[in-house]
Amino acid sequence: MAKQAKAETVEVAPQEVAVKTAPQKEVKPTKTSWEIKDRIYYLKGSKTPLTYTIPGRHTKKHALLYFDQVSGKQREIRYATNQDSPLVDEQNGECTMGHIVFKDGKMIVDKSKQNLQKLLSLYHPLKNKVYQEFSAVAVAEDELDILDLQVDALNAAREMDVDFAEAILRVEIGSKVNSMSSKELRRDLMLFARSNPSLFISLAKDENVQLRNFAIRAVEANIIKLSGDQRSFTWGSNGRKLMNVPFDENPYSAFAAWLKTDEGVEVYRSIDKKL
């Protein structure tokens, strides 16, 4: 029997498996949020003094320190006109100190003074306490909020009944409302809602405003009387005391609250019939 030929073994070199890799995204440098531009700063409040100076360096009297959240350390700041940074630990050599002065309530800082701008915008502890940086976006947001409030107030005024309108206007213009027609009331109510929407809405939500108006009308009609010292209410017909006004309270607000008590409800019904 013939010998069987041995099977020839062929060695194959190991093949590399191609692995697909996701394409690398291009890493773009992050843009700094700091914008180089002219900036305007103004003092808070209604006062605009001819000149007003805020501290420009750290002293015992005026602490000018900035807390760095990255390092967890307090960093001293100062306005040196010949330095690029307002941070003392980043300043080198002799420093020429400058004054930070608001004129007529504002200060315009040119974009070339980046050290002063950064001190005022980023580091100074008096920002948003004594002064603010002008922001067109913030101004637009405030104006939009006011417009929204005006719309809400005007819509509420338009839907309000005449009695409630009279009650609210009495707070604003007093007894003049007694001689006004319904159209005059509505006109002045709309004007009030537009000129002072915040106060108008607060009065419209005040559940006692109508009761205060009710009490004032009752006093004007001599149905009830308010004592000269504004400490008590009595019946106009017989002088019988109805209530004492608590100390340091508006008499009509106190009477309005009293009208909601058990005793006050009966008085309210009696006055309402006479009115």
Protein backbone atom coordinates (compact mmCIF):
# COMPACT_ATOMS: atom_id res chain seq x y z
CA MET A 1 0.00 0.00 0.00
CA ALA A 2 1.49 3.22 -1.07
CA LYS A 3 2.36 5.71 1.58
CA GLN A 4 0.01 8.67 1.78
CA ALA A 5 1.66 12.00 1.12
CA LYS A 6 1.79 14.26 4.12
CA ALA A 7 -0.46 17.31 3.88
CA GLU A 8 1.64 20.35 3.33
CA THR A 9 1.04 23.03 5.96
CA VAL A 10 1.13 26.62 4.71
CA GLU A 11 1.76 29.29 7.29
CA VAL A 12 -0.14 32.54 6.74
CA ALA A 13 1.06 35.72 8.31
CA PRO A 14 -1.47 37.22 10.77
CA GLN A 15 -3.61 39.88 9.13
CA GLU A 16 -4.18 43.21 10.79
CA VAL A 17 -7.82 44.00 11.43
CA ALA A 18 -8.70 47.44 10.22
CA VAL A 19 -10.43 49.42 12.96
CA LYS A 20 -12.49 52.37 11.90
CA THR A 21 -11.91 55.41 14.03
CA ALA A 22 -14.31 58.25 14.35
CA PRO A 23 -13.14 61.41 12.65
CA GLN A 24 -11.56 63.83 15.04
CA LYS A 25 -13.53 66.99 15.58
CA GLU A 26 -11.67 70.14 15.01
CA VAL A 27 -10.98 71.82 18.31
CA LYS A 28 -11.71 75.48 18.01
CA PRO A 29 -10.16 77.91 20.43
CA THR A 30 -12.66 79.15 22.98
CA LYS A 31 -13.59 82.76 22.62
CA THR A 32 -13.19 84.99 25.63
CA SER A 33 -16.38 86.60 26.92
CA TRP A 34 -14.57 89.87 27.52
CA GLU A 35 -15.31 92.36 24.76
CA ILE A 36 -12.97 95.23 24.00
CA LYS A 37 -15.16 98.31 23.69
CA ASP A 38 -15.89 101.66 25.29
CA ARG A 39 -17.84 101.24 28.52
CA ILE A 40 -20.10 103.50 30.55
CA TYR A 41 -20.55 103.34 34.31
CA TYR A 42 -23.11 105.30 36.31
CA LEU A 43 -23.90 105.83 39.97
CA LYS A 44 -26.96 104.10 41.39
CA GLY A 45 -29.85 106.13 42.73
CA SER A 46 -31.34 109.42 41.65
CA LYS A 47 -28.48 111.63 42.82
CA THR A 48 -25.85 112.80 40.32
CA PRO A 49 -23.13 114.69 42.21
CA LEU A 50 -20.75 116.93 40.29
CA THR A 51 -17.87 114.59 41.19
CA TYR A 52 -17.79 111.33 43.10
CA THR A 53 -14.64 109.32 43.77
CA ILE A 54 -14.50 105.63 44.64
CA PRO A 55 -11.38 103.97 46.11
CA GLY A 56 -8.81 102.73 43.62
CA ARG A 57 -6.43 100.89 45.94
CA HIS A 58 -6.57 98.59 48.96
CA THR A 59 -6.26 100.34 52.33
CA LYS A 60 -7.31 99.68 55.93
CA LYS A 61 -10.29 101.99 55.40
CA HIS A 62 -11.31 100.62 52.00
CA ALA A 63 -10.74 96.92 51.41
CA LEU A 64 -10.23 96.30 47.69
CA LEU A 65 -9.99 92.54 47.53
CA TYR A 66 -11.22 90.07 44.94
CA PHE A 67 -11.92 86.44 45.88
CA ASP A 68 -10.49 84.15 43.22
CA GLN A 69 -12.67 81.00 43.23
CA VAL A 70 -10.09 79.04 41.23
CA SER A 71 -7.22 79.55 43.68
CA GLY A 72 -9.45 80.08 46.71
CA LYS A 73 -7.50 83.18 47.67
CA GLN A 74 -8.19 86.85 48.18
CA ARG A 75 -6.35 88.96 45.60
CA GLU A 76 -5.61 92.63 46.10
CA ILE A 77 -6.67 95.03 43.35
CA ARG A 78 -5.67 98.60 42.51
CA TYR A 79 -5.88 101.04 39.63
CA ALA A 80 -2.38 101.66 38.31
CA THR A 81 -2.40 103.66 35.08
CA ASN A 82 0.87 102.14 33.83
CA GLN A 83 -0.08 98.49 34.40
CA ASP A 84 -2.03 96.13 32.17
CA SER A 85 -3.78 94.28 35.00
CA PRO A 86 -5.76 95.59 37.98
CA LEU A 87 -4.57 92.61 40.08
CA VAL A 88 -1.59 93.56 42.25
CA ASP A 89 0.08 90.13 41.97
CA GLU A 90 0.15 90.56 38.17
CA GLN A 91 1.69 94.03 38.27
CA ASN A 92 5.43 94.60 37.91
CA GLY A 93 7.73 97.49 38.64
CA GLU A 94 6.81 100.95 39.84
CA CYS A 95 3.11 101.78 39.72
CA THR A 96 1.50 105.09 38.91
CA MET A 97 -1.75 105.29 40.82
CA GLY A 98 -4.85 106.78 39.20
CA HIS A 99 -8.12 108.24 40.53
CA ILE A 100 -11.55 106.77 39.74
CA VAL A 101 -13.91 109.72 39.46
CA PHE A 102 -17.54 109.88 38.34
CA LYS A 103 -18.56 113.23 36.88
CA ASP A 104 -22.24 114.20 36.90
CA GLY A 105 -23.05 110.67 38.02
CA LYS A 106 -21.33 108.77 35.22
CA MET A 107 -17.93 107.79 33.85
CA ILE A 108 -17.04 106.90 30.25
CA VAL A 109 -13.98 104.64 30.05
CA ASP A 110 -12.27 104.38 26.69
CA LYS A 111 -11.47 100.90 25.35
CA SER A 112 -7.76 101.72 25.57
CA LYS A 113 -8.01 101.64 29.39
CA GLN A 114 -8.55 97.92 29.75
CA ASN A 115 -7.04 97.81 33.24
CA LEU A 116 -9.60 100.33 34.56
CA GLN A 117 -12.47 98.66 32.72
CA LYS A 118 -11.66 95.23 34.15
CA LEU A 119 -11.25 96.66 37.63
CA LEU A 120 -14.69 98.27 37.44
CA SER A 121 -16.50 95.49 35.55
CA LEU A 122 -14.95 92.36 37.08
CA TYR A 123 -13.30 93.01 40.40
CA HIS A 124 -14.39 96.16 42.25
CA PRO A 125 -16.51 95.33 45.36
CA LEU A 126 -18.67 98.47 44.92
CA LYS A 127 -20.08 97.32 41.59
CA ASN A 128 -23.90 97.01 41.75
CA LYS A 129 -23.79 98.63 45.20
CA VAL A 130 -22.60 102.16 44.45
CA TYR A 131 -22.37 102.05 40.66
CA GLN A 132 -23.46 99.93 37.70
CA GLU A 133 -22.18 99.26 34.21
CA PHE A 134 -24.48 100.35 31.42
CA SER A 135 -25.86 97.42 29.45
CA ALA A 136 -28.13 97.93 26.44
CA VAL A 137 -29.44 94.37 26.90
CA ALA A 138 -30.29 94.96 30.55
CA VAL A 139 -32.00 98.24 29.69
CA ALA A 140 -34.05 96.51 26.98
CA GLU A 141 -35.06 93.76 29.44
CA ASP A 142 -36.14 96.35 32.03
CA GLU A 143 -38.12 98.27 29.44
CA LEU A 144 -39.78 95.05 28.25
CA ASP A 145 -40.74 94.18 31.84
CA ILE A 146 -42.28 97.64 32.26
CA LEU A 147 -44.20 97.31 28.99
CA ASP A 148 -45.52 93.88 30.01
CA LEU A 149 -46.60 95.33 33.36
CA GLN A 150 -48.33 98.24 31.62
CA VAL A 151 -50.23 95.85 29.34
CA ASP A 152 -51.37 93.79 32.34
CA ALA A 153 -52.44 96.93 34.22
CA LEU A 154 -54.30 98.39 31.22
CA ASN A 155 -56.13 95.12 30.58
CA ALA A 156 -57.18 94.97 34.22
CA ALA A 157 -58.31 98.62 34.14
CA ARG A 158 -60.38 98.06 31.01
CA GLU A 159 -62.27 95.13 32.58
CA MET A 160 -62.76 96.80 35.98
CA ASP A 161 -66.23 97.87 37.12
CA VAL A 162 -66.94 101.51 37.98
CA ASP A 163 -67.19 101.01 41.75
CA PHE A 164 -63.78 99.36 41.92
CA ALA A 165 -62.35 102.03 39.59
CA GLU A 166 -63.62 104.71 41.96
CA ALA A 167 -62.06 102.93 44.93
CA ILE A 168 -58.64 102.77 43.28
CA LEU A 169 -58.73 106.33 41.97
CA ARG A 170 -59.71 107.64 45.40
CA VAL A 171 -56.35 106.39 46.66
CA GLU A 172 -54.65 108.42 43.91
CA ILE A 173 -56.70 111.64 43.66
CA GLY A 174 -58.90 111.69 46.78
CA SER A 175 -62.44 113.09 46.96
CA LYS A 176 -62.20 114.55 43.43
CA VAL A 177 -63.69 111.26 42.21
CA ASN A 178 -67.08 112.27 43.63
CA SER A 179 -67.62 114.82 40.86
CA MET A 180 -66.32 112.68 37.99
CA SER A 181 -68.47 110.96 35.38
CA SER A 182 -68.05 107.27 34.61
CA LYS A 183 -66.10 108.07 31.41
CA GLU A 184 -63.81 110.42 33.31
CA LEU A 185 -63.25 107.71 35.91
CA ARG A 186 -62.34 105.17 33.24
CA ARG A 187 -60.06 107.61 31.42
CA ASP A 188 -58.16 108.53 34.58
CA LEU A 189 -58.03 104.88 35.63
CA MET A 190 -56.38 103.92 32.32
CA LEU A 191 -53.93 106.81 32.63
CA PHE A 192 -53.10 105.76 36.19
CA ALA A 193 -52.59 102.14 35.10
CA ARG A 194 -50.22 103.23 32.33
CA SER A 195 -48.19 105.72 34.39
CA ASN A 196 -47.83 103.58 37.53
CA PRO A 197 -48.65 99.97 36.62
CA SER A 198 -46.97 98.44 39.67
CA LEU A 199 -48.99 100.50 42.17
CA PHE A 200 -52.18 100.01 40.15
CA ILE A 201 -51.83 96.21 40.14
CA SER A 202 -51.06 96.13 43.88
CA LEU A 203 -54.22 98.19 44.56
CA ALA A 204 -56.28 96.01 42.22
CA LYS A 205 -55.19 92.94 44.20
CA ASP A 206 -55.87 94.59 47.57
CA GLU A 207 -59.13 93.12 48.84
CA ASN A 208 -59.60 96.01 51.30
CA VAL A 209 -59.39 98.85 48.78
CA GLN A 210 -63.13 98.83 48.12
CA LEU A 211 -63.93 98.72 51.82
CA ARG A 212 -61.64 101.71 52.43
CA ASN A 213 -63.48 103.58 49.69
CA PHE A 214 -66.77 102.54 51.29
CA ALA A 215 -65.63 103.96 54.65
CA ILE A 216 -64.47 107.25 53.08
CA ARG A 217 -67.80 107.67 51.29
CA ALA A 218 -69.64 107.01 54.55
CA VAL A 219 -67.60 109.71 56.34
CA GLU A 220 -68.16 112.17 53.47
CA ALA A 221 -71.91 111.47 53.67
CA ASN A 222 -71.75 112.08 57.46
CA ILE A 223 -73.19 108.59 58.12
CA ILE A 224 -70.18 107.89 60.32
CA LYS A 225 -67.60 110.26 61.79
CA LEU A 226 -63.86 110.01 62.26
CA SER A 227 -62.61 111.79 65.36
CA GLY A 228 -60.25 114.74 65.01
CA ASP A 229 -57.31 112.72 66.32
CA GLN A 230 -58.25 109.93 63.86
CA ARG A 231 -58.37 107.39 66.65
CA SER A 232 -62.05 106.37 66.62
CA PHE A 233 -65.17 106.05 64.44
CA THR A 234 -68.68 106.92 65.66
CA TRP A 235 -72.18 107.01 64.20
CA GLY A 236 -72.94 110.41 62.70
CA SER A 237 -76.52 110.41 63.99
CA ASN A 238 -75.99 109.76 67.72
CA GLY A 239 -72.22 109.77 68.30
CA ARG A 240 -72.14 106.14 69.48
CA LYS A 241 -68.65 104.71 69.15
CA LEU A 242 -68.18 102.00 66.55
CA MET A 243 -64.50 101.16 66.93
CA ASN A 244 -61.12 102.42 68.11
CA VAL A 245 -58.30 102.69 65.58
CA PRO A 246 -55.22 100.68 66.62
CA PHE A 247 -52.10 102.73 67.20
CA ASP A 248 -49.99 103.52 64.14
CA GLU A 249 -52.58 102.24 61.63
CA ASN A 250 -54.33 104.07 58.84
CA PRO A 251 -57.86 104.73 60.17
CA TYR A 252 -59.65 103.75 56.96
CA SER A 253 -57.56 100.58 56.57
CA ALA A 254 -58.38 99.64 60.16
CA PHE A 255 -62.09 100.35 59.62
CA ALA A 256 -62.08 98.30 56.42
CA ALA A 257 -60.62 95.33 58.29
CA TRP A 258 -63.15 95.82 61.11
CA LEU A 259 -66.06 95.75 58.65
CA LYS A 260 -65.21 92.10 57.94
CA THR A 261 -65.80 91.10 61.58
CA ASP A 262 -69.18 89.83 62.83
CA GLU A 263 -70.04 93.19 64.39
CA GLY A 264 -68.66 95.09 61.40
CA VAL A 265 -70.78 93.17 58.88
CA GLU A 266 -73.97 94.46 60.51
CA VAL A 267 -72.60 98.02 60.44
CA TYR A 268 -71.64 97.58 56.79
CA ARG A 269 -75.21 96.57 55.88
CA SER A 270 -76.64 99.55 57.73
CA ILE A 271 -74.25 102.01 56.06
CA ASP A 272 -74.82 100.43 52.65
CA LYS A 273 -78.57 101.05 52.89
CA LYS A 274 -78.02 104.71 53.74
CA LEU A 275 -75.49 105.21 50.96
